[in-house]
mmCIF file of all heavy atoms, coordinates in Angstrom:
data_MODEL
# 
_entry.id   MODEL 
# 
loop_
_atom_site.group_PDB 
_atom_site.id 
_atom_site.type_symbol 
_atom_site.label_atom_id 
_atom_site.label_alt_id 
_atom_site.label_comp_id 
_atom_site.label_asym_id 
_atom_site.label_entity_id 
_atom_site.label_seq_id 
_atom_site.pdbx_PDB_ins_code 
_atom_site.Cartn_x 
_atom_site.Cartn_y 
_atom_site.Cartn_z 
_atom_site.occupancy 
_atom_site.B_iso_or_equiv 
_atom_site.pdbx_formal_charge 
_atom_site.auth_seq_id 
_atom_site.auth_comp_id 
_atom_site.auth_asym_id 
_atom_site.auth_atom_id 
_atom_site.pdbx_PDB_model_num 
ATOM 1   N N   . PHE A 1 1  ? -166.483 -199.856 122.433 1.00 0.00 ? 1  PHE A N   1 
ATOM 2   C CA  . PHE A 1 1  ? -167.405 -199.913 121.322 1.00 0.00 ? 1  PHE A CA  1 
ATOM 3   C C   . PHE A 1 1  ? -167.246 -198.765 120.318 1.00 0.00 ? 1  PHE A C   1 
ATOM 4   O O   . PHE A 1 1  ? -168.049 -198.678 119.397 1.00 0.00 ? 1  PHE A O   1 
ATOM 5   C CB  . PHE A 1 1  ? -168.883 -199.883 121.925 1.00 0.00 ? 1  PHE A CB  1 
ATOM 6   C CG  . PHE A 1 1  ? -169.259 -201.127 122.652 1.00 0.00 ? 1  PHE A CG  1 
ATOM 7   C CD1 . PHE A 1 1  ? -169.177 -201.300 123.982 1.00 0.00 ? 1  PHE A CD1 1 
ATOM 8   C CD2 . PHE A 1 1  ? -169.751 -202.226 121.812 1.00 0.00 ? 1  PHE A CD2 1 
ATOM 9   C CE1 . PHE A 1 1  ? -169.527 -202.466 124.581 1.00 0.00 ? 1  PHE A CE1 1 
ATOM 10  C CE2 . PHE A 1 1  ? -170.071 -203.409 122.382 1.00 0.00 ? 1  PHE A CE2 1 
ATOM 11  C CZ  . PHE A 1 1  ? -170.025 -203.523 123.825 1.00 0.00 ? 1  PHE A CZ  1 
ATOM 12  N N   . LEU A 1 2  ? -166.234 -197.964 120.424 1.00 0.00 ? 2  LEU A N   1 
ATOM 13  C CA  . LEU A 1 2  ? -165.967 -196.911 119.495 1.00 0.00 ? 2  LEU A CA  1 
ATOM 14  C C   . LEU A 1 2  ? -165.754 -197.408 118.074 1.00 0.00 ? 2  LEU A C   1 
ATOM 15  O O   . LEU A 1 2  ? -166.261 -196.928 117.090 1.00 0.00 ? 2  LEU A O   1 
ATOM 16  C CB  . LEU A 1 2  ? -164.847 -196.104 119.921 1.00 0.00 ? 2  LEU A CB  1 
ATOM 17  C CG  . LEU A 1 2  ? -165.090 -194.826 120.709 1.00 0.00 ? 2  LEU A CG  1 
ATOM 18  C CD1 . LEU A 1 2  ? -163.914 -194.172 121.376 1.00 0.00 ? 2  LEU A CD1 1 
ATOM 19  C CD2 . LEU A 1 2  ? -165.837 -193.783 119.944 1.00 0.00 ? 2  LEU A CD2 1 
ATOM 20  N N   . LEU A 1 3  ? -164.981 -198.484 117.977 1.00 0.00 ? 3  LEU A N   1 
ATOM 21  C CA  . LEU A 1 3  ? -164.725 -199.091 116.650 1.00 0.00 ? 3  LEU A CA  1 
ATOM 22  C C   . LEU A 1 3  ? -166.008 -199.571 115.973 1.00 0.00 ? 3  LEU A C   1 
ATOM 23  O O   . LEU A 1 3  ? -166.191 -199.424 114.861 1.00 0.00 ? 3  LEU A O   1 
ATOM 24  C CB  . LEU A 1 3  ? -163.667 -200.190 116.777 1.00 0.00 ? 3  LEU A CB  1 
ATOM 25  C CG  . LEU A 1 3  ? -162.294 -199.725 117.228 1.00 0.00 ? 3  LEU A CG  1 
ATOM 26  C CD1 . LEU A 1 3  ? -161.440 -200.917 117.395 1.00 0.00 ? 3  LEU A CD1 1 
ATOM 27  C CD2 . LEU A 1 3  ? -161.742 -198.759 116.218 1.00 0.00 ? 3  LEU A CD2 1 
ATOM 28  N N   . LEU A 1 4  ? -166.792 -200.221 116.841 1.00 0.00 ? 4  LEU A N   1 
ATOM 29  C CA  . LEU A 1 4  ? -168.120 -200.705 116.353 1.00 0.00 ? 4  LEU A CA  1 
ATOM 30  C C   . LEU A 1 4  ? -168.975 -199.548 115.943 1.00 0.00 ? 4  LEU A C   1 
ATOM 31  O O   . LEU A 1 4  ? -169.713 -199.557 114.921 1.00 0.00 ? 4  LEU A O   1 
ATOM 32  C CB  . LEU A 1 4  ? -168.824 -201.572 117.347 1.00 0.00 ? 4  LEU A CB  1 
ATOM 33  C CG  . LEU A 1 4  ? -170.150 -202.175 116.965 1.00 0.00 ? 4  LEU A CG  1 
ATOM 34  C CD1 . LEU A 1 4  ? -169.932 -203.137 115.748 1.00 0.00 ? 4  LEU A CD1 1 
ATOM 35  C CD2 . LEU A 1 4  ? -170.764 -203.014 118.114 1.00 0.00 ? 4  LEU A CD2 1 
ATOM 36  N N   . GLY A 1 5  ? -168.912 -198.447 116.719 1.00 0.00 ? 5  GLY A N   1 
ATOM 37  C CA  . GLY A 1 5  ? -169.722 -197.256 116.471 1.00 0.00 ? 5  GLY A CA  1 
ATOM 38  C C   . GLY A 1 5  ? -169.295 -196.644 115.082 1.00 0.00 ? 5  GLY A C   1 
ATOM 39  O O   . GLY A 1 5  ? -170.067 -196.189 114.328 1.00 0.00 ? 5  GLY A O   1 
ATOM 40  N N   . GLY A 1 6  ? -167.957 -196.572 114.919 1.00 0.00 ? 6  GLY A N   1 
ATOM 41  C CA  . GLY A 1 6  ? -167.421 -196.102 113.684 1.00 0.00 ? 6  GLY A CA  1 
ATOM 42  C C   . GLY A 1 6  ? -167.851 -196.929 112.426 1.00 0.00 ? 6  GLY A C   1 
ATOM 43  O O   . GLY A 1 6  ? -168.238 -196.381 111.409 1.00 0.00 ? 6  GLY A O   1 
ATOM 44  N N   . ARG A 1 7  ? -167.776 -198.228 112.579 1.00 0.00 ? 7  ARG A N   1 
ATOM 45  C CA  . ARG A 1 7  ? -168.183 -199.090 111.549 1.00 0.00 ? 7  ARG A CA  1 
ATOM 46  C C   . ARG A 1 7  ? -169.643 -198.938 111.272 1.00 0.00 ? 7  ARG A C   1 
ATOM 47  O O   . ARG A 1 7  ? -170.104 -198.956 110.100 1.00 0.00 ? 7  ARG A O   1 
ATOM 48  C CB  . ARG A 1 7  ? -167.865 -200.555 111.808 1.00 0.00 ? 7  ARG A CB  1 
ATOM 49  C CG  . ARG A 1 7  ? -168.195 -201.561 110.810 1.00 0.00 ? 7  ARG A CG  1 
ATOM 50  C CD  . ARG A 1 7  ? -167.548 -201.204 109.460 1.00 0.00 ? 7  ARG A CD  1 
ATOM 51  N NE  . ARG A 1 7  ? -166.148 -201.248 109.524 1.00 0.00 ? 7  ARG A NE  1 
ATOM 52  C CZ  . ARG A 1 7  ? -165.346 -200.710 108.636 1.00 0.00 ? 7  ARG A CZ  1 
ATOM 53  N NH1 . ARG A 1 7  ? -165.778 -199.983 107.671 1.00 0.00 ? 7  ARG A NH1 1 
ATOM 54  N NH2 . ARG A 1 7  ? -163.993 -200.830 108.776 1.00 0.00 ? 7  ARG A NH2 1 
ATOM 55  N N   . ALA A 1 8  ? -170.474 -198.879 112.357 1.00 0.00 ? 8  ALA A N   1 
ATOM 56  C CA  . ALA A 1 8  ? -171.932 -198.702 112.163 1.00 0.00 ? 8  ALA A CA  1 
ATOM 57  C C   . ALA A 1 8  ? -172.218 -197.391 111.429 1.00 0.00 ? 8  ALA A C   1 
ATOM 58  O O   . ALA A 1 8  ? -173.164 -197.424 110.582 1.00 0.00 ? 8  ALA A O   1 
ATOM 59  C CB  . ALA A 1 8  ? -172.651 -198.694 113.526 1.00 0.00 ? 8  ALA A CB  1 
ATOM 60  N N   . ALA A 1 9  ? -171.520 -196.376 111.719 1.00 0.00 ? 9  ALA A N   1 
ATOM 61  C CA  . ALA A 1 9  ? -171.766 -195.116 110.963 1.00 0.00 ? 9  ALA A CA  1 
ATOM 62  C C   . ALA A 1 9  ? -171.446 -195.243 109.501 1.00 0.00 ? 9  ALA A C   1 
ATOM 63  O O   . ALA A 1 9  ? -172.188 -194.713 108.701 1.00 0.00 ? 9  ALA A O   1 
ATOM 64  C CB  . ALA A 1 9  ? -170.918 -194.034 111.642 1.00 0.00 ? 9  ALA A CB  1 
ATOM 65  N N   . ASP A 1 10 ? -170.385 -195.995 109.156 1.00 0.00 ? 10 ASP A N   1 
ATOM 66  C CA  . ASP A 1 10 ? -170.108 -196.214 107.832 1.00 0.00 ? 10 ASP A CA  1 
ATOM 67  C C   . ASP A 1 10 ? -171.111 -197.042 107.048 1.00 0.00 ? 10 ASP A C   1 
ATOM 68  O O   . ASP A 1 10 ? -171.401 -196.845 105.895 1.00 0.00 ? 10 ASP A O   1 
ATOM 69  C CB  . ASP A 1 10 ? -168.674 -196.821 107.634 1.00 0.00 ? 10 ASP A CB  1 
ATOM 70  C CG  . ASP A 1 10 ? -167.601 -195.827 108.022 1.00 0.00 ? 10 ASP A CG  1 
ATOM 71  O OD1 . ASP A 1 10 ? -167.784 -194.592 107.928 1.00 0.00 ? 10 ASP A OD1 1 
ATOM 72  O OD2 . ASP A 1 10 ? -166.440 -196.316 108.421 1.00 0.00 ? 10 ASP A OD2 1 
ATOM 73  N N   . LEU A 1 11 ? -171.665 -198.062 107.788 1.00 0.00 ? 11 LEU A N   1 
ATOM 74  C CA  . LEU A 1 11 ? -172.586 -199.059 107.142 1.00 0.00 ? 11 LEU A CA  1 
ATOM 75  C C   . LEU A 1 11 ? -174.002 -198.585 107.083 1.00 0.00 ? 11 LEU A C   1 
ATOM 76  O O   . LEU A 1 11 ? -174.776 -198.821 106.182 1.00 0.00 ? 11 LEU A O   1 
ATOM 77  C CB  . LEU A 1 11 ? -172.399 -200.343 107.845 1.00 0.00 ? 11 LEU A CB  1 
ATOM 78  C CG  . LEU A 1 11 ? -171.048 -201.062 107.786 1.00 0.00 ? 11 LEU A CG  1 
ATOM 79  C CD1 . LEU A 1 11 ? -171.073 -202.441 108.506 1.00 0.00 ? 11 LEU A CD1 1 
ATOM 80  C CD2 . LEU A 1 11 ? -170.635 -201.276 106.302 1.00 0.00 ? 11 LEU A CD2 1 
ATOM 81  N N   . LEU A 1 12 ? -174.490 -197.929 108.188 1.00 0.00 ? 12 LEU A N   1 
ATOM 82  C CA  . LEU A 1 12 ? -175.886 -197.661 108.357 1.00 0.00 ? 12 LEU A CA  1 
ATOM 83  C C   . LEU A 1 12 ? -176.253 -196.140 107.958 1.00 0.00 ? 12 LEU A C   1 
ATOM 84  O O   . LEU A 1 12 ? -177.416 -195.824 107.831 1.00 0.00 ? 12 LEU A O   1 
ATOM 85  C CB  . LEU A 1 12 ? -176.370 -197.843 109.809 1.00 0.00 ? 12 LEU A CB  1 
ATOM 86  C CG  . LEU A 1 12 ? -176.323 -199.219 110.322 1.00 0.00 ? 12 LEU A CG  1 
ATOM 87  C CD1 . LEU A 1 12 ? -176.697 -199.300 111.751 1.00 0.00 ? 12 LEU A CD1 1 
ATOM 88  C CD2 . LEU A 1 12 ? -177.201 -200.116 109.480 1.00 0.00 ? 12 LEU A CD2 1 
ATOM 89  N N   . GLY A 1 13 ? -175.176 -195.327 107.787 1.00 0.00 ? 13 GLY A N   1 
ATOM 90  C CA  . GLY A 1 13 ? -175.468 -193.979 107.500 1.00 0.00 ? 13 GLY A CA  1 
ATOM 91  C C   . GLY A 1 13 ? -175.121 -193.075 108.708 1.00 0.00 ? 13 GLY A C   1 
ATOM 92  O O   . GLY A 1 13 ? -175.483 -193.370 109.827 1.00 0.00 ? 13 GLY A O   1 
ATOM 93  N N   . HIS A 1 14 ? -174.401 -192.002 108.437 1.00 0.00 ? 14 HIS A N   1 
ATOM 94  C CA  . HIS A 1 14 ? -173.907 -191.189 109.533 1.00 0.00 ? 14 HIS A CA  1 
ATOM 95  C C   . HIS A 1 14 ? -175.031 -190.509 110.363 1.00 0.00 ? 14 HIS A C   1 
ATOM 96  O O   . HIS A 1 14 ? -174.998 -190.490 111.589 1.00 0.00 ? 14 HIS A O   1 
ATOM 97  C CB  . HIS A 1 14 ? -172.910 -190.166 109.036 1.00 0.00 ? 14 HIS A CB  1 
ATOM 98  C CG  . HIS A 1 14 ? -171.774 -190.699 108.322 1.00 0.00 ? 14 HIS A CG  1 
ATOM 99  N ND1 . HIS A 1 14 ? -171.075 -190.114 107.283 1.00 0.00 ? 14 HIS A ND1 1 
ATOM 100 C CD2 . HIS A 1 14 ? -171.112 -191.922 108.439 1.00 0.00 ? 14 HIS A CD2 1 
ATOM 101 C CE1 . HIS A 1 14 ? -170.046 -190.925 106.846 1.00 0.00 ? 14 HIS A CE1 1 
ATOM 102 N NE2 . HIS A 1 14 ? -170.078 -191.961 107.545 1.00 0.00 ? 14 HIS A NE2 1 
ATOM 103 N N   . ARG A 1 15 ? -175.953 -189.933 109.688 1.00 0.00 ? 15 ARG A N   1 
ATOM 104 C CA  . ARG A 1 15 ? -177.050 -189.245 110.334 1.00 0.00 ? 15 ARG A CA  1 
ATOM 105 C C   . ARG A 1 15 ? -177.843 -190.121 111.218 1.00 0.00 ? 15 ARG A C   1 
ATOM 106 O O   . ARG A 1 15 ? -178.143 -189.904 112.396 1.00 0.00 ? 15 ARG A O   1 
ATOM 107 C CB  . ARG A 1 15 ? -177.960 -188.475 109.381 1.00 0.00 ? 15 ARG A CB  1 
ATOM 108 C CG  . ARG A 1 15 ? -179.051 -187.673 110.095 1.00 0.00 ? 15 ARG A CG  1 
ATOM 109 C CD  . ARG A 1 15 ? -179.998 -186.978 109.154 1.00 0.00 ? 15 ARG A CD  1 
ATOM 110 N NE  . ARG A 1 15 ? -180.951 -187.906 108.604 1.00 0.00 ? 15 ARG A NE  1 
ATOM 111 C CZ  . ARG A 1 15 ? -181.985 -187.452 107.895 1.00 0.00 ? 15 ARG A CZ  1 
ATOM 112 N NH1 . ARG A 1 15 ? -182.120 -186.304 107.507 1.00 0.00 ? 15 ARG A NH1 1 
ATOM 113 N NH2 . ARG A 1 15 ? -182.849 -188.400 107.374 1.00 0.00 ? 15 ARG A NH2 1 
ATOM 114 N N   . ARG A 1 16 ? -178.205 -191.392 110.728 1.00 0.00 ? 16 ARG A N   1 
ATOM 115 C CA  . ARG A 1 16 ? -179.026 -192.292 111.546 1.00 0.00 ? 16 ARG A CA  1 
ATOM 116 C C   . ARG A 1 16 ? -178.280 -192.682 112.725 1.00 0.00 ? 16 ARG A C   1 
ATOM 117 O O   . ARG A 1 16 ? -178.866 -192.707 113.834 1.00 0.00 ? 16 ARG A O   1 
ATOM 118 C CB  . ARG A 1 16 ? -179.262 -193.504 110.619 1.00 0.00 ? 16 ARG A CB  1 
ATOM 119 C CG  . ARG A 1 16 ? -180.069 -194.595 111.302 1.00 0.00 ? 16 ARG A CG  1 
ATOM 120 C CD  . ARG A 1 16 ? -180.343 -195.845 110.446 1.00 0.00 ? 16 ARG A CD  1 
ATOM 121 N NE  . ARG A 1 16 ? -180.992 -195.462 109.182 1.00 0.00 ? 16 ARG A NE  1 
ATOM 122 C CZ  . ARG A 1 16 ? -181.223 -196.281 108.130 1.00 0.00 ? 16 ARG A CZ  1 
ATOM 123 N NH1 . ARG A 1 16 ? -180.773 -197.571 108.241 1.00 0.00 ? 16 ARG A NH1 1 
ATOM 124 N NH2 . ARG A 1 16 ? -181.838 -195.965 107.174 1.00 0.00 ? 16 ARG A NH2 1 
ATOM 125 N N   . VAL A 1 17 ? -177.012 -193.026 112.691 1.00 0.00 ? 17 VAL A N   1 
ATOM 126 C CA  . VAL A 1 17 ? -176.248 -193.495 113.814 1.00 0.00 ? 17 VAL A CA  1 
ATOM 127 C C   . VAL A 1 17 ? -176.110 -192.390 114.836 1.00 0.00 ? 17 VAL A C   1 
ATOM 128 O O   . VAL A 1 17 ? -176.238 -192.494 116.040 1.00 0.00 ? 17 VAL A O   1 
ATOM 129 C CB  . VAL A 1 17 ? -174.898 -194.021 113.382 1.00 0.00 ? 17 VAL A CB  1 
ATOM 130 C CG1 . VAL A 1 17 ? -173.965 -194.195 114.535 1.00 0.00 ? 17 VAL A CG1 1 
ATOM 131 C CG2 . VAL A 1 17 ? -175.120 -195.320 112.583 1.00 0.00 ? 17 VAL A CG2 1 
ATOM 132 N N   . PHE A 1 18 ? -175.863 -191.091 114.295 1.00 0.00 ? 18 PHE A N   1 
ATOM 133 C CA  . PHE A 1 18 ? -175.736 -189.969 115.157 1.00 0.00 ? 18 PHE A CA  1 
ATOM 134 C C   . PHE A 1 18 ? -177.041 -189.741 116.060 1.00 0.00 ? 18 PHE A C   1 
ATOM 135 O O   . PHE A 1 18 ? -176.934 -189.540 117.169 1.00 0.00 ? 18 PHE A O   1 
ATOM 136 C CB  . PHE A 1 18 ? -175.471 -188.728 114.275 1.00 0.00 ? 18 PHE A CB  1 
ATOM 137 C CG  . PHE A 1 18 ? -175.309 -187.436 115.073 1.00 0.00 ? 18 PHE A CG  1 
ATOM 138 C CD1 . PHE A 1 18 ? -174.103 -187.039 115.539 1.00 0.00 ? 18 PHE A CD1 1 
ATOM 139 C CD2 . PHE A 1 18 ? -176.452 -186.629 115.266 1.00 0.00 ? 18 PHE A CD2 1 
ATOM 140 C CE1 . PHE A 1 18 ? -173.939 -185.861 116.248 1.00 0.00 ? 18 PHE A CE1 1 
ATOM 141 C CE2 . PHE A 1 18 ? -176.301 -185.383 115.970 1.00 0.00 ? 18 PHE A CE2 1 
ATOM 142 C CZ  . PHE A 1 18 ? -175.041 -185.017 116.422 1.00 0.00 ? 18 PHE A CZ  1 
ATOM 143 N N   . VAL A 1 19 ? -178.157 -189.769 115.402 1.00 0.00 ? 19 VAL A N   1 
ATOM 144 C CA  . VAL A 1 19 ? -179.448 -189.571 116.069 1.00 0.00 ? 19 VAL A CA  1 
ATOM 145 C C   . VAL A 1 19 ? -179.623 -190.655 117.176 1.00 0.00 ? 19 VAL A C   1 
ATOM 146 O O   . VAL A 1 19 ? -180.018 -190.349 118.310 1.00 0.00 ? 19 VAL A O   1 
ATOM 147 C CB  . VAL A 1 19 ? -180.563 -189.523 115.088 1.00 0.00 ? 19 VAL A CB  1 
ATOM 148 C CG1 . VAL A 1 19 ? -182.007 -189.514 115.858 1.00 0.00 ? 19 VAL A CG1 1 
ATOM 149 C CG2 . VAL A 1 19 ? -180.507 -188.309 114.181 1.00 0.00 ? 19 VAL A CG2 1 
ATOM 150 N N   . VAL A 1 20 ? -179.479 -191.894 116.753 1.00 0.00 ? 20 VAL A N   1 
ATOM 151 C CA  . VAL A 1 20 ? -179.636 -193.022 117.761 1.00 0.00 ? 20 VAL A CA  1 
ATOM 152 C C   . VAL A 1 20 ? -178.745 -192.816 118.938 1.00 0.00 ? 20 VAL A C   1 
ATOM 153 O O   . VAL A 1 20 ? -179.106 -192.999 120.062 1.00 0.00 ? 20 VAL A O   1 
ATOM 154 C CB  . VAL A 1 20 ? -179.486 -194.347 117.050 1.00 0.00 ? 20 VAL A CB  1 
ATOM 155 C CG1 . VAL A 1 20 ? -179.417 -195.450 118.031 1.00 0.00 ? 20 VAL A CG1 1 
ATOM 156 C CG2 . VAL A 1 20 ? -180.518 -194.687 116.015 1.00 0.00 ? 20 VAL A CG2 1 
ATOM 157 N N   . GLY A 1 21 ? -177.500 -192.505 118.643 1.00 0.00 ? 21 GLY A N   1 
ATOM 158 C CA  . GLY A 1 21 ? -176.577 -192.300 119.767 1.00 0.00 ? 21 GLY A CA  1 
ATOM 159 C C   . GLY A 1 21 ? -176.891 -191.174 120.664 1.00 0.00 ? 21 GLY A C   1 
ATOM 160 O O   . GLY A 1 21 ? -176.759 -191.306 121.886 1.00 0.00 ? 21 GLY A O   1 
ATOM 161 N N   . MET A 1 22 ? -177.355 -190.102 120.122 1.00 0.00 ? 22 MET A N   1 
ATOM 162 C CA  . MET A 1 22 ? -177.769 -188.991 120.989 1.00 0.00 ? 22 MET A CA  1 
ATOM 163 C C   . MET A 1 22 ? -178.918 -189.236 121.891 1.00 0.00 ? 22 MET A C   1 
ATOM 164 O O   . MET A 1 22 ? -178.999 -188.938 122.981 1.00 0.00 ? 22 MET A O   1 
ATOM 165 C CB  . MET A 1 22 ? -178.114 -187.730 120.183 1.00 0.00 ? 22 MET A CB  1 
ATOM 166 C CG  . MET A 1 22 ? -176.939 -187.086 119.364 1.00 0.00 ? 22 MET A CG  1 
ATOM 167 S SD  . MET A 1 22 ? -175.705 -186.363 120.455 1.00 0.00 ? 22 MET A SD  1 
ATOM 168 C CE  . MET A 1 22 ? -176.482 -184.751 120.760 1.00 0.00 ? 22 MET A CE  1 
ATOM 169 N N   . LEU A 1 23 ? -179.921 -190.027 121.331 1.00 0.00 ? 23 LEU A N   1 
ATOM 170 C CA  . LEU A 1 23 ? -181.048 -190.433 122.095 1.00 0.00 ? 23 LEU A CA  1 
ATOM 171 C C   . LEU A 1 23 ? -180.648 -191.441 123.157 1.00 0.00 ? 23 LEU A C   1 
ATOM 172 O O   . LEU A 1 23 ? -181.144 -191.394 124.350 1.00 0.00 ? 23 LEU A O   1 
ATOM 173 C CB  . LEU A 1 23 ? -182.149 -190.987 121.132 1.00 0.00 ? 23 LEU A CB  1 
ATOM 174 C CG  . LEU A 1 23 ? -182.779 -190.040 120.223 1.00 0.00 ? 23 LEU A CG  1 
ATOM 175 C CD1 . LEU A 1 23 ? -183.789 -190.743 119.284 1.00 0.00 ? 23 LEU A CD1 1 
ATOM 176 C CD2 . LEU A 1 23 ? -183.419 -188.898 120.981 1.00 0.00 ? 23 LEU A CD2 1 
ATOM 177 N N   . LEU A 1 24 ? -179.790 -192.369 122.849 1.00 0.00 ? 24 LEU A N   1 
ATOM 178 C CA  . LEU A 1 24 ? -179.353 -193.352 123.847 1.00 0.00 ? 24 LEU A CA  1 
ATOM 179 C C   . LEU A 1 24 ? -178.582 -192.662 124.995 1.00 0.00 ? 24 LEU A C   1 
ATOM 180 O O   . LEU A 1 24 ? -178.717 -192.935 126.188 1.00 0.00 ? 24 LEU A O   1 
ATOM 181 C CB  . LEU A 1 24 ? -178.472 -194.378 123.218 1.00 0.00 ? 24 LEU A CB  1 
ATOM 182 C CG  . LEU A 1 24 ? -177.850 -195.559 124.039 1.00 0.00 ? 24 LEU A CG  1 
ATOM 183 C CD1 . LEU A 1 24 ? -179.000 -196.347 124.618 1.00 0.00 ? 24 LEU A CD1 1 
ATOM 184 C CD2 . LEU A 1 24 ? -176.872 -196.408 123.275 1.00 0.00 ? 24 LEU A CD2 1 
ATOM 185 N N   . PHE A 1 25 ? -177.808 -191.681 124.623 1.00 0.00 ? 25 PHE A N   1 
ATOM 186 C CA  . PHE A 1 25 ? -176.952 -190.949 125.650 1.00 0.00 ? 25 PHE A CA  1 
ATOM 187 C C   . PHE A 1 25 ? -177.862 -190.153 126.517 1.00 0.00 ? 25 PHE A C   1 
ATOM 188 O O   . PHE A 1 25 ? -177.746 -190.170 127.807 1.00 0.00 ? 25 PHE A O   1 
ATOM 189 C CB  . PHE A 1 25 ? -176.035 -189.957 124.918 1.00 0.00 ? 25 PHE A CB  1 
ATOM 190 C CG  . PHE A 1 25 ? -174.906 -189.488 125.728 1.00 0.00 ? 25 PHE A CG  1 
ATOM 191 C CD1 . PHE A 1 25 ? -173.659 -190.056 125.697 1.00 0.00 ? 25 PHE A CD1 1 
ATOM 192 C CD2 . PHE A 1 25 ? -175.114 -188.319 126.547 1.00 0.00 ? 25 PHE A CD2 1 
ATOM 193 C CE1 . PHE A 1 25 ? -172.655 -189.516 126.403 1.00 0.00 ? 25 PHE A CE1 1 
ATOM 194 C CE2 . PHE A 1 25 ? -174.025 -187.841 127.347 1.00 0.00 ? 25 PHE A CE2 1 
ATOM 195 C CZ  . PHE A 1 25 ? -172.770 -188.437 127.240 1.00 0.00 ? 25 PHE A CZ  1 
ATOM 196 N N   . ALA A 1 26 ? -178.945 -189.506 125.974 1.00 0.00 ? 26 ALA A N   1 
ATOM 197 C CA  . ALA A 1 26 ? -179.888 -188.795 126.797 1.00 0.00 ? 26 ALA A CA  1 
ATOM 198 C C   . ALA A 1 26 ? -180.659 -189.640 127.725 1.00 0.00 ? 26 ALA A C   1 
ATOM 199 O O   . ALA A 1 26 ? -180.817 -189.371 128.881 1.00 0.00 ? 26 ALA A O   1 
ATOM 200 C CB  . ALA A 1 26 ? -180.792 -188.051 125.893 1.00 0.00 ? 26 ALA A CB  1 
# 
């Protein structure tokens, strides 16, 4: 899912995707 994560970061905004990913990881 890294490629999808990279595409999501480009489409949805880097900060938004970063925050969601950190919360999901936690």
